[in-house]
Amino acid sequence: MRLGRPTLADFVLPLPAPTLTDFARVQFRRRWRRLIQRIIADRAARPGGPEPRDLFDVLAAPDPETGLAQDPERLGDQVATIVVAGHETTAAAMFSACYLLARHPDVQERLADEVRGIDLAPENATDRLPEFAFARAVIDEVLRLYPAAFVIVREALGGDVAAGVRIAAGSLVLIAPWVLHRHRRFWTAPERFDPSRFVPGAPQPPRFAYMPFGAGPRTCVGAPFALTELVLVIATLVRNFRIELAPHAPVKPVGLVTIQPDLPPPFLLRRRGVAG
């Protein structure tokens, strides 16, 4: 992922001026596309049935309007996006969840009490999601404090006025969930990890004060999948293990493409007994 991070040269040099990093990116893209093509070819070679078996079947289905097969380049872009966007953001959120639960054992034990005894077998795990109200609240609070995307960038297609500020057409507008989610105007004790903010019946935050996946028609299309994945994984993990932190240096969040720890600390996983 190093080549995906912006460098100083990306900011100070004009776009037509290539850098050594640009040449490395071109070489990486060729290798990356070859890998994606192999993944697609391997998956397409497996016989299927009339109904979609997984996300690939949905992406590779012929266009419903024209009946034509999907363009291979477009299909490759979609698969590559799922592989990348479905990995780093969720992994960063999982780290934040484990870190916060390890630092707040009372919250972790309440979560363990909720998921204890619930069958989390793969074939019926998603059917049990409505039973994970506190687990979902934990994930929502994790994403409030550590939204995977700390800024969202949009280009103004036309002139506009927002909160009395004129925005010229073509301007880049930066929306910072990191700031919104910690703003004292919208949240009580905003630095405190408090999943009770999101339990059923709790007051809803103001509109656009909480937007870990963006908002409006351009909200993240993978939000439902990511939330389901995060809730089920953290429920399964806490159901089987007590998460603790080993001795470590202070952890500071770093905003790159996603929010990541500067020095990931080591975790200790202690298996829970049959009863807990």
C-alpha atoms as a PDB file:
ATOM      1  CA  MET A   1       0.000   0.000   0.000  1.00  0.00           C
ATOM      2  CA  ARG A   2       3.024   2.305   0.114  1.00  0.00           C
ATOM      3  CA  LEU A   3       2.578   3.337  -3.519  1.00  0.00           C
ATOM      4  CA  GLY A   4      -0.998   4.366  -2.808  1.00  0.00           C
ATOM      5  CA  ARG A   5       0.103   7.023  -0.314  1.00  0.00           C
ATOM      6  CA  PRO A   6       0.649  10.559  -1.605  1.00  0.00           C
ATOM      7  CA  THR A   7       4.235  11.798  -1.550  1.00  0.00           C
ATOM      8  CA  LEU A   8       5.601  15.337  -1.351  1.00  0.00           C
ATOM      9  CA  ALA A   9       6.347  15.211  -5.085  1.00  0.00           C
ATOM     10  CA  ASP A  10       2.671  14.527  -5.803  1.00  0.00           C
ATOM     11  CA  PHE A  11       1.808  17.895  -4.276  1.00  0.00           C
ATOM     12  CA  VAL A  12       4.623  20.103  -5.527  1.00  0.00           C
ATOM     13  CA  LEU A  13       5.143  18.841  -9.099  1.00  0.00           C
ATOM     14  CA  PRO A  14       2.701  19.472 -11.962  1.00  0.00           C
ATOM     15  CA  LEU A  15       0.633  16.452 -13.004  1.00  0.00           C
ATOM     16  CA  PRO A  16       2.448  15.881 -16.336  1.00  0.00           C
ATOM     17  CA  ALA A  17       5.828  15.592 -14.541  1.00  0.00           C
ATOM     18  CA  PRO A  18       6.452  11.907 -13.706  1.00  0.00           C
ATOM     19  CA  THR A  19       8.304  10.878 -10.571  1.00  0.00           C
ATOM     20  CA  LEU A  20      10.116   7.683  -9.630  1.00  0.00           C
ATOM     21  CA  THR A  21       7.055   6.769  -7.606  1.00  0.00           C
ATOM     22  CA  ASP A  22       4.897   7.196 -10.711  1.00  0.00           C
ATOM     23  CA  PHE A  23       7.036   4.685 -12.625  1.00  0.00           C
ATOM     24  CA  ALA A  24       6.771   2.256  -9.711  1.00  0.00           C
ATOM     25  CA  ARG A  25       3.000   2.738  -9.693  1.00  0.00           C
ATOM     26  CA  VAL A  26       2.764   1.861 -13.390  1.00  0.00           C
ATOM     27  CA  GLN A  27       4.737  -1.335 -12.849  1.00  0.00           C
ATOM     28  CA  PHE A  28       2.651  -2.248  -9.816  1.00  0.00           C
ATOM     29  CA  ARG A  29      -0.577  -1.613 -11.730  1.00  0.00           C
ATOM     30  CA  ARG A  30       0.474  -4.071 -14.435  1.00  0.00           C
ATOM     31  CA  ARG A  31       1.203  -6.768 -11.866  1.00  0.00           C
ATOM     32  CA  TRP A  32      -1.983  -5.930  -9.995  1.00  0.00           C
ATOM     33  CA  ARG A  33      -4.161  -6.192 -13.115  1.00  0.00           C
ATOM     34  CA  ARG A  34      -2.610  -9.542 -13.995  1.00  0.00           C
ATOM     35  CA  LEU A  35      -3.421 -10.800 -10.491  1.00  0.00           C
ATOM     36  CA  ILE A  36      -7.030  -9.579 -10.742  1.00  0.00           C
ATOM     37  CA  GLN A  37      -7.375 -11.263 -14.152  1.00  0.00           C
ATOM     38  CA  ARG A  38      -6.158 -14.560 -12.669  1.00  0.00           C
ATOM     39  CA  ILE A  39      -8.635 -14.234  -9.777  1.00  0.00           C
ATOM     40  CA  ILE A  40     -11.495 -13.597 -12.225  1.00  0.00           C
ATOM     41  CA  ALA A  41     -10.459 -16.435 -14.538  1.00  0.00           C
ATOM     42  CA  ASP A  42     -10.180 -18.885 -11.628  1.00  0.00           C
ATOM     43  CA  ARG A  43     -13.597 -17.923 -10.247  1.00  0.00           C
ATOM     44  CA  ALA A  44     -15.276 -17.906 -13.695  1.00  0.00           C
ATOM     45  CA  ALA A  45     -14.001 -21.426 -14.379  1.00  0.00           C
ATOM     46  CA  ARG A  46     -16.083 -22.867 -11.538  1.00  0.00           C
ATOM     47  CA  PRO A  47     -19.481 -24.066 -12.750  1.00  0.00           C
ATOM     48  CA  GLY A  48     -22.477 -22.374 -11.223  1.00  0.00           C
ATOM     49  CA  GLY A  49     -26.253 -22.526 -11.230  1.00  0.00           C
ATOM     50  CA  PRO A  50     -29.093 -20.254 -12.297  1.00  0.00           C
ATOM     51  CA  GLU A  51     -29.024 -18.241  -9.059  1.00  0.00           C
ATOM     52  CA  PRO A  52     -26.117 -15.989  -7.962  1.00  0.00           C
ATOM     53  CA  ARG A  53     -23.860 -17.748  -5.469  1.00  0.00           C
ATOM     54  CA  ASP A  54     -21.812 -14.770  -4.387  1.00  0.00           C
ATOM     55  CA  LEU A  55     -20.881 -11.187  -5.192  1.00  0.00           C
ATOM     56  CA  PHE A  56     -18.872 -12.196  -8.261  1.00  0.00           C
ATOM     57  CA  ASP A  57     -21.968 -13.720  -9.884  1.00  0.00           C
ATOM     58  CA  VAL A  58     -23.770 -10.427  -9.343  1.00  0.00           C
ATOM     59  CA  LEU A  59     -20.921  -8.337 -10.763  1.00  0.00           C
ATOM     60  CA  ALA A  60     -20.339 -10.620 -13.755  1.00  0.00           C
ATOM     61  CA  ALA A  61     -24.013 -10.979 -14.709  1.00  0.00           C
ATOM     62  CA  PRO A  62     -24.939  -9.702 -18.195  1.00  0.00           C
ATOM     63  CA  ASP A  63     -26.320  -6.186 -18.427  1.00  0.00           C
ATOM     64  CA  PRO A  64     -30.065  -6.515 -17.667  1.00  0.00           C
ATOM     65  CA  GLU A  65     -30.969  -3.876 -20.261  1.00  0.00           C
ATOM     66  CA  THR A  66     -28.837  -4.980 -23.210  1.00  0.00           C
ATOM     67  CA  GLY A  67     -28.175  -8.626 -22.362  1.00  0.00           C
ATOM     68  CA  LEU A  68     -24.521  -8.086 -23.227  1.00  0.00           C
ATOM     69  CA  ALA A  69     -21.699  -9.558 -21.160  1.00  0.00           C
ATOM     70  CA  GLN A  70     -19.915  -7.259 -18.748  1.00  0.00           C
ATOM     71  CA  ASP A  71     -16.933  -5.382 -20.149  1.00  0.00           C
ATOM     72  CA  PRO A  72     -13.804  -7.225 -18.887  1.00  0.00           C
ATOM     73  CA  GLU A  73     -12.050  -3.952 -17.992  1.00  0.00           C
ATOM     74  CA  ARG A  74     -15.041  -2.750 -15.989  1.00  0.00           C
ATOM     75  CA  LEU A  75     -15.421  -6.109 -14.265  1.00  0.00           C
ATOM     76  CA  GLY A  76     -11.726  -6.025 -13.373  1.00  0.00           C
ATOM     77  CA  ASP A  77     -12.122  -2.549 -11.882  1.00  0.00           C
ATOM     78  CA  GLN A  78     -15.075  -3.677  -9.771  1.00  0.00           C
ATOM     79  CA  VAL A  79     -13.307  -6.781  -8.457  1.00  0.00           C
ATOM     80  CA  ALA A  80     -10.172  -4.752  -7.677  1.00  0.00           C
ATOM     81  CA  THR A  81     -12.267  -2.191  -5.789  1.00  0.00           C
ATOM     82  CA  ILE A  82     -13.925  -4.917  -3.706  1.00  0.00           C
ATOM     83  CA  VAL A  83     -10.540  -6.462  -2.891  1.00  0.00           C
ATOM     84  CA  VAL A  84      -8.941  -3.158  -1.832  1.00  0.00           C
ATOM     85  CA  ALA A  85     -11.803  -1.079  -0.416  1.00  0.00           C
ATOM     86  CA  GLY A  86     -13.236  -4.095   1.361  1.00  0.00           C
ATOM     87  CA  HIS A  87      -9.952  -4.787   3.124  1.00  0.00           C
ATOM     88  CA  GLU A  88      -8.123  -1.750   4.462  1.00  0.00           C
ATOM     89  CA  THR A  89     -11.087   0.195   5.827  1.00  0.00           C
ATOM     90  CA  THR A  90     -12.578  -2.828   7.596  1.00  0.00           C
ATOM     91  CA  ALA A  91      -9.190  -3.914   8.937  1.00  0.00           C
ATOM     92  CA  ALA A  92      -8.589  -0.434  10.354  1.00  0.00           C
ATOM     93  CA  ALA A  93     -12.014  -0.447  12.019  1.00  0.00           C
ATOM     94  CA  MET A  94     -11.377  -3.919  13.476  1.00  0.00           C
ATOM     95  CA  PHE A  95      -8.105  -2.729  14.992  1.00  0.00           C
ATOM     96  CA  SER A  96      -9.858   0.275  16.561  1.00  0.00           C
ATOM     97  CA  ALA A  97     -12.599  -1.966  17.948  1.00  0.00           C
ATOM     98  CA  CYS A  98     -10.124  -4.375  19.535  1.00  0.00           C
ATOM     99  CA  TYR A  99      -8.032  -1.517  20.938  1.00  0.00           C
ATOM    100  CA  LEU A 100     -11.009   0.258  22.507  1.00  0.00           C
ATOM    101  CA  LEU A 101     -12.500  -2.942  23.926  1.00  0.00           C
ATOM    102  CA  ALA A 102      -9.138  -3.895  25.444  1.00  0.00           C
ATOM    103  CA  ARG A 103      -8.973  -0.482  27.121  1.00  0.00           C
ATOM    104  CA  HIS A 104     -12.573  -0.703  28.357  1.00  0.00           C
ATOM    105  CA  PRO A 105     -13.043  -4.193  29.848  1.00  0.00           C
ATOM    106  CA  ASP A 106     -16.462  -3.272  31.271  1.00  0.00           C
ATOM    107  CA  VAL A 107     -17.781  -2.634  27.767  1.00  0.00           C
ATOM    108  CA  GLN A 108     -16.106  -5.805  26.517  1.00  0.00           C
ATOM    109  CA  GLU A 109     -17.756  -7.903  29.221  1.00  0.00           C
ATOM    110  CA  ARG A 110     -21.165  -6.422  28.481  1.00  0.00           C
ATOM    111  CA  LEU A 111     -20.637  -7.366  24.857  1.00  0.00           C
ATOM    112  CA  ALA A 112     -19.550 -10.879  25.857  1.00  0.00           C
ATOM    113  CA  ASP A 113     -22.724 -11.248  27.916  1.00  0.00           C
ATOM    114  CA  GLU A 114     -24.843 -10.311  24.898  1.00  0.00           C
ATOM    115  CA  VAL A 115     -23.265 -12.805  22.493  1.00  0.00           C
ATOM    116  CA  ARG A 116     -22.841 -15.658  24.976  1.00  0.00           C
ATOM    117  CA  GLY A 117     -24.885 -18.677  23.944  1.00  0.00           C
ATOM    118  CA  ILE A 118     -25.851 -17.291  20.523  1.00  0.00           C
ATOM    119  CA  ASP A 119     -25.183 -19.662  17.637  1.00  0.00           C
ATOM    120  CA  LEU A 120     -22.775 -17.941  15.233  1.00  0.00           C
ATOM    121  CA  ALA A 121     -22.501 -20.721  12.676  1.00  0.00           C
ATOM    122  CA  PRO A 122     -21.858 -19.314   9.177  1.00  0.00           C
ATOM    123  CA  GLU A 123     -25.137 -20.574   7.761  1.00  0.00           C
ATOM    124  CA  ASN A 124     -27.302 -18.591  10.184  1.00  0.00           C
ATOM    125  CA  ALA A 125     -25.079 -15.843  11.594  1.00  0.00           C
ATOM    126  CA  THR A 126     -26.700 -13.046   9.590  1.00  0.00           C
ATOM    127  CA  ASP A 127     -30.149 -14.146  10.812  1.00  0.00           C
ATOM    128  CA  ARG A 128     -29.014 -13.487  14.378  1.00  0.00           C
ATOM    129  CA  LEU A 129     -27.934  -9.895  13.681  1.00  0.00           C
ATOM    130  CA  PRO A 130     -31.057  -8.339  15.286  1.00  0.00           C
ATOM    131  CA  GLU A 131     -29.944  -9.915  18.577  1.00  0.00           C
ATOM    132  CA  PHE A 132     -26.655  -7.992  18.538  1.00  0.00           C
ATOM    133  CA  ALA A 133     -27.974  -4.578  19.543  1.00  0.00           C
ATOM    134  CA  PHE A 134     -25.070  -3.756  21.858  1.00  0.00           C
ATOM    135  CA  ALA A 135     -22.488  -5.192  19.444  1.00  0.00           C
ATOM    136  CA  ARG A 136     -23.844  -2.867  16.752  1.00  0.00           C
ATOM    137  CA  ALA A 137     -23.714   0.048  19.211  1.00  0.00           C
ATOM    138  CA  VAL A 138     -20.062  -0.784  19.948  1.00  0.00           C
ATOM    139  CA  ILE A 139     -19.206  -0.737  16.235  1.00  0.00           C
ATOM    140  CA  ASP A 140     -21.102   2.521  15.700  1.00  0.00           C
ATOM    141  CA  GLU A 141     -19.180   4.142  18.556  1.00  0.00           C
ATOM    142  CA  VAL A 142     -15.875   2.776  17.241  1.00  0.00           C
ATOM    143  CA  LEU A 143     -16.632   4.348  13.855  1.00  0.00           C
ATOM    144  CA  ARG A 144     -17.530   7.615  15.559  1.00  0.00           C
ATOM    145  CA  LEU A 145     -14.180   7.891  17.302  1.00  0.00           C
ATOM    146  CA  TYR A 146     -12.108   6.342  14.519  1.00  0.00           C
ATOM    147  CA  PRO A 147     -13.910   6.676  11.176  1.00  0.00           C
ATOM    148  CA  ALA A 148     -11.980   4.714   8.579  1.00  0.00           C
ATOM    149  CA  ALA A 149     -12.097   7.673   6.177  1.00  0.00           C
ATOM    150  CA  PHE A 150     -11.074  10.697   8.220  1.00  0.00           C
ATOM    151  CA  VAL A 151     -11.884  13.065   5.328  1.00  0.00           C
ATOM    152  CA  ILE A 152     -14.284  12.840   2.407  1.00  0.00           C
ATOM    153  CA  VAL A 153     -13.479  14.894  -0.701  1.00  0.00           C
ATOM    154  CA  ARG A 154     -16.083  16.127  -3.181  1.00  0.00           C
ATOM    155  CA  GLU A 155     -15.832  18.406  -6.206  1.00  0.00           C
ATOM    156  CA  ALA A 156     -18.490  21.093  -6.632  1.00  0.00           C
ATOM    157  CA  LEU A 157     -20.024  20.590 -10.083  1.00  0.00           C
ATOM    158  CA  GLY A 158     -21.617  24.019  -9.865  1.00  0.00           C
ATOM    159  CA  GLY A 159     -21.489  27.152  -7.752  1.00  0.00           C
ATOM    160  CA  ASP A 160     -23.176  26.895  -4.367  1.00  0.00           C
ATOM    161  CA  VAL A 161     -23.444  28.445  -0.914  1.00  0.00           C
ATOM    162  CA  ALA A 162     -23.020  26.311   2.228  1.00  0.00           C
ATOM    163  CA  ALA A 163     -23.526  27.864   5.673  1.00  0.00           C
ATOM    164  CA  GLY A 164     -22.933  31.290   4.178  1.00  0.00           C
ATOM    165  CA  VAL A 165     -19.695  30.257   2.464  1.00  0.00           C
ATOM    166  CA  ARG A 166     -19.566  30.642  -1.309  1.00  0.00           C
ATOM    167  CA  ILE A 167     -18.257  27.593  -3.152  1.00  0.00           C
ATOM    168  CA  ALA A 168     -17.100  28.126  -6.726  1.00  0.00           C
ATOM    169  CA  ALA A 169     -17.678  25.494  -9.387  1.00  0.00           C
ATOM    170  CA  GLY A 170     -14.740  23.099  -9.537  1.00  0.00           C
ATOM    171  CA  SER A 171     -13.769  23.677  -5.911  1.00  0.00           C
ATOM    172  CA  LEU A 172     -12.735  20.715  -3.787  1.00  0.00           C
ATOM    173  CA  VAL A 173     -14.731  20.451  -0.581  1.00  0.00           C
ATOM    174  CA  LEU A 174     -13.256  18.470   2.320  1.00  0.00           C
ATOM    175  CA  ILE A 175     -15.722  17.004   4.810  1.00  0.00           C
ATOM    176  CA  ALA A 176     -14.012  15.697   7.935  1.00  0.00           C
ATOM    177  CA  PRO A 177     -15.924  12.983   9.838  1.00  0.00           C
ATOM    178  CA  TRP A 178     -13.051  13.009  12.352  1.00  0.00           C
ATOM    179  CA  VAL A 179     -13.998  16.588  13.284  1.00  0.00           C
ATOM    180  CA  LEU A 180     -17.777  16.130  13.061  1.00  0.00           C
ATOM    181  CA  HIS A 181     -17.695  13.018  15.241  1.00  0.00           C
ATOM    182  CA  ARG A 182     -15.764  14.795  17.990  1.00  0.00           C
ATOM    183  CA  HIS A 183     -17.438  18.199  17.842  1.00  0.00           C
ATOM    184  CA  ARG A 184     -18.653  19.386  21.261  1.00  0.00           C
ATOM    185  CA  ARG A 185     -21.656  21.055  19.664  1.00  0.00           C
ATOM    186  CA  PHE A 186     -23.032  17.660  18.646  1.00  0.00           C
ATOM    187  CA  TRP A 187     -21.710  15.220  21.266  1.00  0.00           C
ATOM    188  CA  THR A 188     -21.523  15.089  25.060  1.00  0.00           C
ATOM    189  CA  ALA A 189     -18.006  14.148  26.248  1.00  0.00           C
ATOM    190  CA  PRO A 190     -17.000  13.482  22.620  1.00  0.00           C
ATOM    191  CA  GLU A 191     -13.611  11.959  23.501  1.00  0.00           C
ATOM    192  CA  ARG A 192     -15.206   9.273  25.683  1.00  0.00           C
ATOM    193  CA  PHE A 193     -15.835   5.758  24.344  1.00  0.00           C
ATOM    194  CA  ASP A 194     -19.521   5.295  25.147  1.00  0.00           C
ATOM    195  CA  PRO A 195     -21.504   2.787  23.041  1.00  0.00           C
ATOM    196  CA  SER A 196     -24.682   3.682  24.954  1.00  0.00           C
ATOM    197  CA  ARG A 197     -24.980   6.635  22.557  1.00  0.00           C
ATOM    198  CA  PHE A 198     -26.161   4.176  19.903  1.00  0.00           C
ATOM    199  CA  VAL A 199     -28.236   1.604  21.793  1.00  0.00           C
ATOM    200  CA  PRO A 200     -31.907   1.330  20.766  1.00  0.00           C
ATOM    201  CA  GLY A 201     -33.901   4.191  22.241  1.00  0.00           C
ATOM    202  CA  ALA A 202     -30.942   6.558  22.666  1.00  0.00           C
ATOM    203  CA  PRO A 203     -31.335  10.067  21.184  1.00  0.00           C
ATOM    204  CA  GLN A 204     -30.253  10.208  17.546  1.00  0.00           C
ATOM    205  CA  PRO A 205     -27.315  12.483  16.685  1.00  0.00           C
ATOM    206  CA  PRO A 206     -28.081  15.497  14.507  1.00  0.00           C
ATOM    207  CA  ARG A 207     -28.235  14.850  10.783  1.00  0.00           C
ATOM    208  CA  PHE A 208     -24.749  14.827   9.192  1.00  0.00           C
ATOM    209  CA  ALA A 209     -23.066  14.890  12.617  1.00  0.00           C
ATOM    210  CA  TYR A 210     -22.375  11.166  12.199  1.00  0.00           C
ATOM    211  CA  MET A 211     -21.324   9.963   8.761  1.00  0.00           C
ATOM    212  CA  PRO A 212     -18.614   7.254   8.840  1.00  0.00           C
ATOM    213  CA  PHE A 213     -19.714   6.088   5.370  1.00  0.00           C
ATOM    214  CA  GLY A 214     -20.523   9.482   3.920  1.00  0.00           C
ATOM    215  CA  ALA A 215     -24.072  10.634   3.216  1.00  0.00           C
ATOM    216  CA  GLY A 216     -26.511  11.189   0.393  1.00  0.00           C
ATOM    217  CA  PRO A 217     -26.510   9.443  -3.000  1.00  0.00           C
ATOM    218  CA  ARG A 218     -22.726   8.970  -2.875  1.00  0.00           C
ATOM    219  CA  THR A 219     -22.674   7.172   0.457  1.00  0.00           C
ATOM    220  CA  CYS A 220     -20.433   4.118   0.559  1.00  0.00           C
ATOM    221  CA  VAL A 221     -22.146   1.278  -1.300  1.00  0.00           C
ATOM    222  CA  GLY A 222     -20.376  -1.232   0.954  1.00  0.00           C
ATOM    223  CA  ALA A 223     -21.720   0.176   4.239  1.00  0.00           C
ATOM    224  CA  PRO A 224     -24.270  -2.610   4.964  1.00  0.00           C
ATOM    225  CA  PHE A 225     -21.721  -5.313   4.180  1.00  0.00           C
ATOM    226  CA  ALA A 226     -19.013  -3.640   6.290  1.00  0.00           C
ATOM    227  CA  LEU A 227     -21.319  -3.201   9.286  1.00  0.00           C
ATOM    228  CA  THR A 228     -22.511  -6.809   9.077  1.00  0.00           C
ATOM    229  CA  GLU A 229     -18.935  -8.040   8.805  1.00  0.00           C
ATOM    230  CA  LEU A 230     -17.685  -5.915  11.690  1.00  0.00           C
ATOM    231  CA  VAL A 231     -20.533  -6.867  14.038  1.00  0.00           C
ATOM    232  CA  LEU A 232     -20.236 -10.597  13.348  1.00  0.00           C
ATOM    233  CA  VAL A 233     -16.440 -10.689  13.569  1.00  0.00           C
ATOM    234  CA  ILE A 234     -16.200  -8.700  16.794  1.00  0.00           C
ATOM    235  CA  ALA A 235     -19.075 -10.736  18.313  1.00  0.00           C
ATOM    236  CA  THR A 236     -17.337 -13.991  17.408  1.00  0.00           C
ATOM    237  CA  LEU A 237     -13.991 -12.755  18.698  1.00  0.00           C
ATOM    238  CA  VAL A 238     -15.303 -11.521  22.047  1.00  0.00           C
ATOM    239  CA  ARG A 239     -17.472 -14.617  22.449  1.00  0.00           C
ATOM    240  CA  ASN A 240     -14.354 -16.807  22.347  1.00  0.00           C
ATOM    241  CA  PHE A 241     -11.580 -14.568  23.685  1.00  0.00           C
ATOM    242  CA  ARG A 242     -10.924 -11.859  26.229  1.00  0.00           C
ATOM    243  CA  ILE A 243      -8.997  -9.118  24.426  1.00  0.00           C
ATOM    244  CA  GLU A 244      -6.175  -7.499  26.393  1.00  0.00           C
ATOM    245  CA  LEU A 245      -3.281  -5.220  25.551  1.00  0.00           C
ATOM    246  CA  ALA A 246       0.326  -6.209  26.111  1.00  0.00           C
ATOM    247  CA  PRO A 247       2.689  -3.480  27.384  1.00  0.00           C
ATOM    248  CA  HIS A 248       3.126  -0.956  24.592  1.00  0.00           C
ATOM    249  CA  ALA A 249       4.045   2.609  23.792  1.00  0.00           C
ATOM    250  CA  PRO A 250       1.237   5.172  23.460  1.00  0.00           C
ATOM    251  CA  VAL A 251      -0.717   4.725  20.241  1.00  0.00           C
ATOM    252  CA  LYS A 252      -1.413   7.748  18.052  1.00  0.00           C
ATOM    253  CA  PRO A 253      -3.845   7.745  15.113  1.00  0.00           C
ATOM    254  CA  VAL A 254      -2.307   8.686  11.762  1.00  0.00           C
ATOM    255  CA  GLY A 255      -4.411   9.921   8.866  1.00  0.00           C
ATOM    256  CA  LEU A 256      -3.189   8.418   5.602  1.00  0.00           C
ATOM    257  CA  VAL A 257      -5.837   7.144   3.227  1.00  0.00           C
ATOM    258  CA  THR A 258      -7.486   5.617   6.294  1.00  0.00           C
ATOM    259  CA  ILE A 259      -6.928   6.216  10.020  1.00  0.00           C
ATOM    260  CA  GLN A 260      -4.260   3.827  11.232  1.00  0.00           C
ATOM    261  CA  PRO A 261      -2.140   3.464  14.374  1.00  0.00           C
ATOM    262  CA  ASP A 262       1.385   4.835  14.201  1.00  0.00           C
ATOM    263  CA  LEU A 263       2.701   1.809  16.132  1.00  0.00           C
ATOM    264  CA  PRO A 264       0.257  -1.120  16.264  1.00  0.00           C
ATOM    265  CA  PRO A 265       0.371  -2.520  19.809  1.00  0.00           C
ATOM    266  CA  PRO A 266       0.453  -6.258  20.556  1.00  0.00           C
ATOM    267  CA  PHE A 267      -2.762  -7.853  21.798  1.00  0.00           C
ATOM    268  CA  LEU A 268      -3.237 -10.752  24.181  1.00  0.00           C
ATOM    269  CA  LEU A 269      -6.136 -13.105  23.478  1.00  0.00           C
ATOM    270  CA  ARG A 270      -7.186 -15.207  26.444  1.00  0.00           C
ATOM    271  CA  ARG A 271      -9.677 -17.958  25.638  1.00  0.00           C
ATOM    272  CA  ARG A 272     -12.916 -17.683  27.544  1.00  0.00           C
ATOM    273  CA  GLY A 273     -14.381 -20.655  29.386  1.00  0.00           C
ATOM    274  CA  VAL A 274     -17.369 -22.585  28.111  1.00  0.00           C
ATOM    275  CA  ALA A 275     -19.658 -20.499  30.290  1.00  0.00           C
ATOM    276  CA  GLY A 276     -18.144 -17.199  29.254  1.00  0.00           C
END
